[in-house]
Amino acid sequence: MENSRQSYIKRNLWIRAKIIQAVGTFFIDNDYLEIETPCRIPAPAPEAHIDAEVSGDWFLRTSPELCMKRLIAAGYPRIFQICRCFRQKERGPKHLPEMTMLEWYTAGHNYFNMMEQCEELIRFVARRSGFENFLVYQGNSIDLNAPWSRMSVTDAFEKFSSVSMETAILQDRFDQVMAFDIEPNLGHKKPLFLYDYPASAASLARLKPENRSMAERFELYISGLELCNAFSELNDPVEQRTRFENEEKIRRESGSRAYPLPEKFLESLQFMPEASGIALGVDRLVMLFANTTNIDDVVAFTPEEL
């Protein structure tokens, strides 16, 4: 038998298989349609800090988000997908340039509904994978019993950062403070939903009707590890176009490759109902259940081995 990394990660790959099978069971039992959308697309969603892999005159998707939302707009109320996504310059203990993503969308739901569903999903996966109500990660026992913790981004800045959220945004340090001061402190006793992001970090999320300085967005943290990013979805094509144009402007000014706007997606938004959507990193979820801090330990092959 070859004395390779693959010889030592068999347990982790079994855990991975059980998790993916459990995810499929959860959604099918809840009347979700499993769908597949193209890997190769003419225009990714413009995001200042995410670079798509080039494929001829098109691109490999960084997320299946745009196509999945077009399906919601076409009248598919509950859909999910487990798929490969591709991003340039993403390599490290928690990042791969080719990753496995779970995305699901639900018409008629908002981001608070999505928090509840995300909690139900991971608790279901834990039970199906033999972990029940507690998860031990790097010596830390995490209580998976409901309800999970919730904290606003504003409160997280007040509790863990030496600067306010407003100051961090003005100094263009929001992501830096989040990564180094806040995220390592989140979700160590119970999983934690960090919610209500500033409008400048809204991405494709809807702004709160009663306070348009904040976006209906959340991320889930377990033992300091970010697992997912979720929204009440923006379905205003005019506002979405403006956001995309602003992101493209930032990309051009920073020297990044320009993308064409995803016109067919923007056209479809006028038909999209109120909905929530979420992207969850499957590789990171497996890292938690396999009790490893290195993403290489939960994939059959790393890029360097090919």
Foldseek 3Di string as FASTA:
>chain_A
DDPDLLVVLPVLQVLLVLLVVLLVVVQVVVVAAEDDDDQWAAFEQQAQPWAFDDDPNTTGYQDCPLVVLLVLLVPRFKYKYWDWHATPPFDDQPTARIFIKIKMKGFPDFLVVVLVVVLVSLQSSCVSSPNHQWFAAPNFIAGSDDDFAEDEPQVQCVVFNPDGCVVCVVVVNNVVCCLPTRLQPAARHYKYKYFWAALVPQRQADADPVDNRTGGKIWIHHNSDTWKIKHQGDLQLVVSVVVSVVSQVSCVVVVHDHTDHPVVSSVSSVSRHGMMMMMGGSLVSSCRRVNHSGSCSNDSDGPVRD
